[in-house]
Protein backbone atom coordinates (compact mmCIF):
# COMPACT_ATOMS: atom_id res chain seq x y z
CA MET A 1 67.34 -30.11 1.23
CA LYS A 2 65.74 -31.24 4.46
CA GLY A 3 64.92 -27.59 5.18
CA ILE A 4 63.27 -27.11 1.83
CA VAL A 5 61.17 -30.23 2.43
CA LYS A 6 60.23 -29.01 5.89
CA GLY A 7 59.28 -25.61 4.42
CA LEU A 8 57.15 -27.19 1.74
CA ILE A 9 55.30 -29.26 4.39
CA ILE A 10 54.66 -26.30 6.53
CA GLY A 11 53.42 -24.34 3.57
CA GLY A 12 51.18 -27.10 2.60
CA VAL A 13 49.69 -27.32 6.09
CA ILE A 14 49.02 -23.50 6.09
CA ALA A 15 47.44 -23.82 2.72
CA VAL A 16 45.10 -26.66 3.95
CA ILE A 17 44.14 -24.60 7.06
CA GLY A 18 43.26 -21.65 4.77
CA ILE A 19 41.03 -23.85 2.50
CA VAL A 20 39.34 -25.31 5.59
CA ILE A 21 38.58 -21.69 6.99
CA LEU A 22 37.26 -20.74 3.55
CA ILE A 23 34.89 -23.69 3.46
CA VAL A 24 33.62 -23.14 6.94
CA THR A 25 33.09 -19.43 6.24
CA LEU A 26 31.18 -20.25 3.00
CA ALA A 27 29.20 -22.99 4.73
CA SER A 28 28.18 -20.68 7.58
CA ASN A 29 26.90 -18.16 4.99
CA GLY A 30 24.81 -20.69 3.10
CA TRP A 31 27.61 -21.10 0.44
CA LYS A 32 27.14 -17.48 -0.55
CA ILE A 33 29.61 -14.59 -0.44
CA LYS A 34 27.70 -11.83 1.37
CA LYS A 35 28.32 -8.17 1.21
CA ALA A 36 29.12 -6.35 4.41
CA GLU A 37 26.32 -4.02 5.55
CA PHE A 38 27.48 -0.83 7.16
CA GLU A 39 25.92 1.88 9.25
CA MET A 40 27.51 5.14 10.16
CA GLN A 41 28.42 5.77 13.83
CA THR A 42 29.98 8.72 15.68
CA TYR A 43 33.02 8.73 18.05
CA THR A 44 33.52 11.94 20.11
CA ALA A 45 37.03 12.32 21.57
CA GLU A 46 37.02 13.12 25.30
CA THR A 47 40.75 12.96 26.19
CA GLU A 48 43.59 15.41 25.37
CA PHE A 49 45.91 14.65 22.50
CA THR A 50 48.03 16.47 19.92
CA LYS A 51 48.02 14.02 17.04
CA ILE A 52 45.46 12.03 15.13
CA LYS A 53 46.40 8.82 13.55
CA ILE A 54 44.06 7.10 10.96
CA ASP A 55 44.77 3.46 9.85
CA ILE A 56 42.11 2.02 7.68
CA GLU A 57 42.47 -1.17 5.67
CA ALA A 58 39.96 -0.26 3.01
CA GLY A 59 37.65 2.65 2.14
CA SER A 60 38.34 6.36 2.08
CA ALA A 61 38.83 9.10 4.79
CA ARG A 62 39.15 12.80 4.89
CA THR A 63 39.60 15.59 7.46
CA GLU A 64 37.07 18.40 7.79
CA PHE A 65 37.17 21.59 9.89
CA TYR A 66 33.91 22.47 11.65
CA ASP A 67 32.37 24.76 14.34
CA GLY A 68 32.66 22.73 17.40
CA GLU A 69 34.92 22.02 20.46
CA LYS A 70 35.84 18.26 20.15
CA VAL A 71 37.30 16.06 17.48
CA ILE A 72 34.56 13.98 15.97
CA ILE A 73 35.09 10.88 13.84
CA GLU A 74 32.16 9.64 11.77
CA TYR A 75 33.01 5.95 10.82
CA PRO A 76 31.38 3.00 9.21
CA ALA A 77 30.40 0.04 11.49
CA SER A 78 29.60 -3.53 10.54
CA SER A 79 29.66 -7.01 11.95
CA ALA A 80 32.26 -7.75 9.27
CA TYR A 81 34.44 -4.82 10.17
CA LYS A 82 36.50 -4.02 13.25
CA ASN A 83 36.81 -0.46 14.52
CA GLN A 84 39.15 0.48 17.45
CA PHE A 85 39.89 3.79 19.17
CA GLU A 86 42.65 4.42 21.67
CA THR A 87 44.91 7.23 23.00
CA GLU A 88 48.54 6.55 23.24
CA ASP A 89 51.48 8.94 23.64
CA SER A 90 49.28 12.00 23.12
CA THR A 91 47.94 10.40 19.88
CA LEU A 92 44.30 9.60 19.12
CA ILE A 93 44.42 6.45 17.08
CA TYR A 94 41.53 5.09 14.98
CA SER A 95 41.95 1.78 13.05
CA GLY A 96 39.48 -0.07 10.90
CA CYS A 97 39.85 -3.52 9.21
CA ALA A 98 37.82 -6.47 8.02
CA ARG A 99 37.49 -9.22 10.74
CA ASP A 100 39.53 -12.35 10.32
CA TRP A 101 36.51 -14.49 9.43
CA PHE A 102 35.17 -12.27 6.71
CA PHE A 103 35.82 -13.57 3.27
CA ASN A 104 36.21 -10.60 0.90
CA THR A 105 36.32 -10.73 -2.86
CA GLY A 106 35.84 -7.10 -3.47
CA ASN A 107 32.52 -7.00 -1.71
CA LEU A 108 33.81 -4.87 1.10
CA ASN A 109 32.45 -1.52 0.05
CA VAL A 110 33.41 0.65 3.00
CA PRO A 111 31.73 4.12 3.37
CA GLU A 112 33.92 7.23 3.92
CA THR A 113 35.38 8.04 7.33
CA VAL A 114 35.26 11.74 8.17
CA ILE A 115 37.50 13.33 10.82
CA LYS A 116 35.98 16.53 12.02
CA ILE A 117 38.43 18.98 13.59
CA PRO A 118 37.33 22.15 15.44
CA ASN A 119 38.10 25.43 13.67
CA GLY A 120 41.25 26.98 15.05
CA SER A 121 42.75 23.70 16.36
CA VAL A 122 46.15 22.43 15.04
CA TYR A 123 46.76 18.71 15.23
CA GLY A 124 49.45 16.53 13.83
CA ILE A 125 48.05 13.96 11.26
CA GLU A 126 49.23 10.52 10.28
CA MET A 127 47.33 8.53 7.67
CA GLN A 128 48.00 4.92 6.83
CA VAL A 129 46.45 4.55 3.31
CA GLY A 130 45.61 1.03 2.14
CA ALA A 131 43.71 0.77 -1.10
CA GLY A 132 41.38 3.76 -0.55
CA ALA A 133 41.32 7.51 -1.14
CA TYR A 134 42.45 9.98 1.59
CA SER A 135 42.41 13.78 1.52
CA LEU A 136 43.13 16.69 3.76
CA ALA A 137 40.94 19.77 4.13
CA ASP A 138 42.39 23.19 3.68
CA GLY A 139 43.77 24.48 6.97
CA GLU A 140 46.66 24.35 9.43
CA TYR A 141 48.19 21.20 10.88
CA GLY A 142 51.24 20.05 13.05
CA ASN A 143 53.49 17.35 11.62
CA ILE A 144 51.86 15.40 8.84
CA LYS A 145 52.88 11.77 7.81
CA ILE A 146 51.18 10.04 4.85
CA ASN A 147 51.93 6.37 4.15
CA LEU A 148 50.52 5.26 0.83
CA GLY A 149 50.22 1.61 0.04
CA SER A 150 48.38 1.35 -3.20
CA GLY A 151 45.88 4.13 -2.36
CA VAL A 152 45.41 7.72 -3.38
CA PHE A 153 46.10 10.93 -1.44
CA SER A 154 45.02 14.40 -2.43
CA ALA A 155 44.93 18.01 -1.06
CA GLU A 156 44.34 21.51 -2.15
CA ARG A 157 45.98 24.08 0.16
CA PHE A 158 47.28 23.68 3.70
CA LYS A 159 50.11 24.53 6.12
CA CYS A 160 51.95 22.27 8.40
CA ALA A 161 55.24 21.96 10.41
CA GLU A 162 56.87 19.01 8.86
CA MET A 163 55.56 17.00 5.80
CA LYS A 164 56.63 13.36 5.21
CA PHE A 165 55.48 11.06 2.42
CA GLU A 166 56.07 7.32 2.13
CA VAL A 167 54.66 6.17 -1.20
CA GLY A 168 54.65 2.46 -2.07
CA MET A 169 52.59 1.86 -5.19
CA GLY A 170 50.22 4.75 -4.45
CA HIS A 171 49.51 8.09 -6.05
CA SER A 172 49.58 11.51 -4.43
CA ASN A 173 48.54 14.90 -5.82
CA ILE A 174 48.81 18.10 -3.91
CA LYS A 175 48.27 21.63 -5.25
CA ASN A 176 49.82 24.09 -2.79
CA PHE A 177 51.20 23.99 0.79
CA GLU A 178 53.76 25.35 3.18
CA CYS A 179 56.00 23.49 5.62
CA ARG A 180 59.42 23.83 7.32
CA THR A 181 60.68 20.56 5.89
CA LEU A 182 59.58 18.08 3.17
CA ASP A 183 60.52 14.43 3.08
CA CYS A 184 59.38 12.20 0.09
CA GLU A 185 60.19 8.49 -0.26
CA VAL A 186 58.62 6.99 -3.44
CA GLY A 187 58.89 3.36 -4.24
CA MET A 188 56.93 2.37 -7.31
CA GLY A 189 54.28 4.96 -7.11
CA ASP A 190 54.26 8.71 -7.91
CA ILE A 191 53.84 12.00 -6.26
CA THR A 192 52.86 15.32 -7.84
CA ILE A 193 53.07 18.69 -5.89
CA GLU A 194 52.31 21.71 -7.91
CA GLN A 195 53.91 24.11 -5.41
CA VAL A 196 55.56 23.79 -1.94
CA THR A 197 57.17 26.51 0.08
CA CYS A 198 59.82 25.00 2.45
CA SER A 199 63.37 25.57 3.64
CA GLY A 200 64.56 22.02 3.22
CA ALA A 201 63.48 19.05 1.09
CA LYS A 202 64.58 15.38 0.75
CA ILE A 203 63.42 13.48 -2.32
CA ASP A 204 64.18 9.74 -2.51
CA VAL A 205 62.77 7.96 -5.56
CA GLY A 206 63.20 4.16 -6.20
CA LEU A 207 61.24 3.02 -9.41
CA GLY A 208 58.56 5.58 -9.23
CA SER A 209 58.31 9.24 -10.10
CA ALA A 210 58.23 12.65 -8.28
CA HIS A 211 57.15 15.92 -9.87
CA ILE A 212 57.52 18.83 -7.48
CA GLY A 213 57.23 22.47 -7.86
CA PHE A 214 59.16 24.75 -5.42
CA SER A 215 58.27 28.38 -4.75
CA GLY A 216 61.07 30.88 -5.43
CA ALA A 217 63.84 30.96 -7.95
CA LYS A 218 66.00 27.96 -8.62
CA GLU A 219 69.10 29.99 -7.76
CA GLU A 220 67.92 30.23 -4.18
CA TYR A 221 68.39 26.52 -3.56
CA ASN A 222 71.47 24.47 -2.62
CA ILE A 223 70.92 21.27 -4.52
CA SER A 224 72.67 17.90 -4.11
CA THR A 225 71.91 14.80 -6.25
CA ASP A 226 72.71 11.06 -6.33
CA ILE A 227 71.32 9.59 -9.58
CA GLY A 228 71.56 5.92 -10.50
CA LEU A 229 69.82 4.47 -13.55
CA GLY A 230 67.01 7.02 -13.31
CA SER A 231 66.79 10.67 -14.32
CA CYS A 232 66.57 14.08 -12.79
CA ASN A 233 66.15 17.44 -14.57
CA VAL A 234 68.34 19.48 -12.16
CA ALA A 235 72.09 19.37 -11.29
CA GLU A 236 74.06 20.02 -8.23
CA GLN A 237 74.48 23.73 -7.39
CA THR A 238 75.17 26.15 -4.60
CA GLY A 239 72.32 28.54 -3.80
CA THR A 240 72.08 32.09 -2.71
CA THR A 241 70.07 31.20 0.52
CA ASP A 242 70.16 28.42 3.14
CA LYS A 243 67.28 26.52 1.44
CA THR A 244 68.28 23.00 0.47
CA ILE A 245 67.05 20.13 -1.81
CA GLU A 246 68.58 16.63 -1.63
CA ILE A 247 67.71 14.23 -4.42
CA ASP A 248 68.37 10.50 -4.57
CA VAL A 249 67.03 8.63 -7.58
CA GLY A 250 67.40 4.91 -8.29
CA ALA A 251 65.74 3.78 -11.54
CA GLY A 252 62.86 6.27 -11.35
CA SER A 253 62.54 9.96 -12.26
CA ALA A 254 62.44 13.25 -10.56
CA VAL A 255 61.36 16.48 -12.12
CA LEU A 256 61.61 19.80 -10.25
CA ASP A 257 59.99 23.09 -11.18
CA PHE A 258 60.66 26.60 -9.68
CA LYS A 259 58.04 29.17 -9.61
CA ASN A 260 59.00 32.86 -8.78
């Protein structure tokens, strides 16, 4: 009981501090909630790296291939928004988030970030998607990792080494791509892939849904399933090739199509 009382006291103190910060912020802005004003700036990468990681709290981002020699990131800058660039373990990292003092009630309308990649270059891509919309340009990439919070990810056609999705409450829609391996983890969100060409796939669905089309005949794949309260439209089978699909469904659903 003492622990509960102590917890309530600590929680009350934190709430009071939050209210004080809110009052100070509003007072410093003339008791008005201001919109953040942005201007676009350009970052040109000068160091060597093999992977690009984009971690943006709000707004949208996309990759774009262009005729040039260096990776360029066009990003929104504002006194209410913090941008940071660094290179760590052969990874160029760009992160953007609202500053601690900025009181946001939906007024943080962040312009789009564009990652320009030289034609012919192959970089690994990692995207941390908050509440915005992200997309990949058609082209070739190294390993790709997409982490969707409540945002949206889309792509048309591309090729990569390994593809990994982590979908919380977000939505993902891809038309056609090739990879060696595909790994999808879906929480409460959903993922739709019209067609993927790969030798191995793992699909793990919690409460959400996954609808994935695979190239080739169904008979080619070795399929294993572990279905809880949810549903899946395919059963376990032994295939005619070394291609594999592993499916684990909790209370969600998984639908697989096969396209010859």
